Amino acid sequence: MEDMKTRCIMIKRKRYFLLISIIIVSIFSLWFIILDFSRFISLDYSYDIPPSAVLKRINVALAAIICWSVGRDGIDPKDSRRMKAAFVFIILGEAAFNIGERAIGIGMFALCQTLLIIRNSTGLRYKWVKAGFKQKRKLFIPCLIIITSAIIPFLYDYLFKPDNIFLIVYIYGIILSISLWTGHACSILGLLPKVNSRMAASGVTCFFCCDVLVGLDAVLEAGLPWLLANSFIWIFYIPALVLLALSCYRYN
């Protein structure tokens, strides 16, 4: 009885911790969004307005802490370990980008996405066999698009250009697309509990949108299109991290 009472107290504290963390993330997000979009008023093409960069990194750290604090409240120990490792690579990727090591940063995020693929596709083969025609159709068309997108660069001989960054980005793009597909497969086929699978699917979708915007940010010249892409990156990135962090908790 005493153990049960202690457990209930711990669960209540964990809920308060999650609620407070989400409130802080929301306040900081609103703050840096206002700062980012204020650049449209003066047409300021600087990358960040202080303290926008600091607020963004604090939110990344808070999302990681939410994941790492799962403890006994996770879906299962293996799932918790995978998600904790994924957030380690996210933090390492952020650190690499901050010191200008783009290739290493992309590599860290590729490892993160690989772990998300493994995590979100657990039980996929069994569920696929049992799935109905409508479920398979929803997943088959996106899968075909991913395969086509992977083949096109070979047809145009892009991969043989002496640009290592392009090759790294190309490989990361394939991994990211597979991660998006497995995230939605997780939700459609019910590979995780309902709430968790929806969070996972929403998280990888936001991650995908964020990385597409990062790509646009890298290739666009300073101007309104660049400013728009740059301002929306973190609007997708922070929700992606928070949703993925929360997806490893048990909600029964």
Foldseek 3Di string as FASTA:
>chain_A
DVVVVVVVVVVVVLVVLLVVLVVLLVVLLVVQLVQLVVCVVVVDLDLGDPPNVVSLVVLLVSLLVLLQVQPPQFPDPVLSVLLNQLSVLQVVLVVCVVVPNNLSSLVSNLSSLVSLLVNLCVCVVVLVVVDDPVLVVVLVVLVVVLVVLLCVCVVVVVVVPPDVVVVSVSVSLSSLSSSLSSLVSCQSSVVDPNLLSVLSNLLSVLVNLLVVLVVVLVPDDRDDVNSVSSSCNSVSNSSSSNSNSVSRGDDD
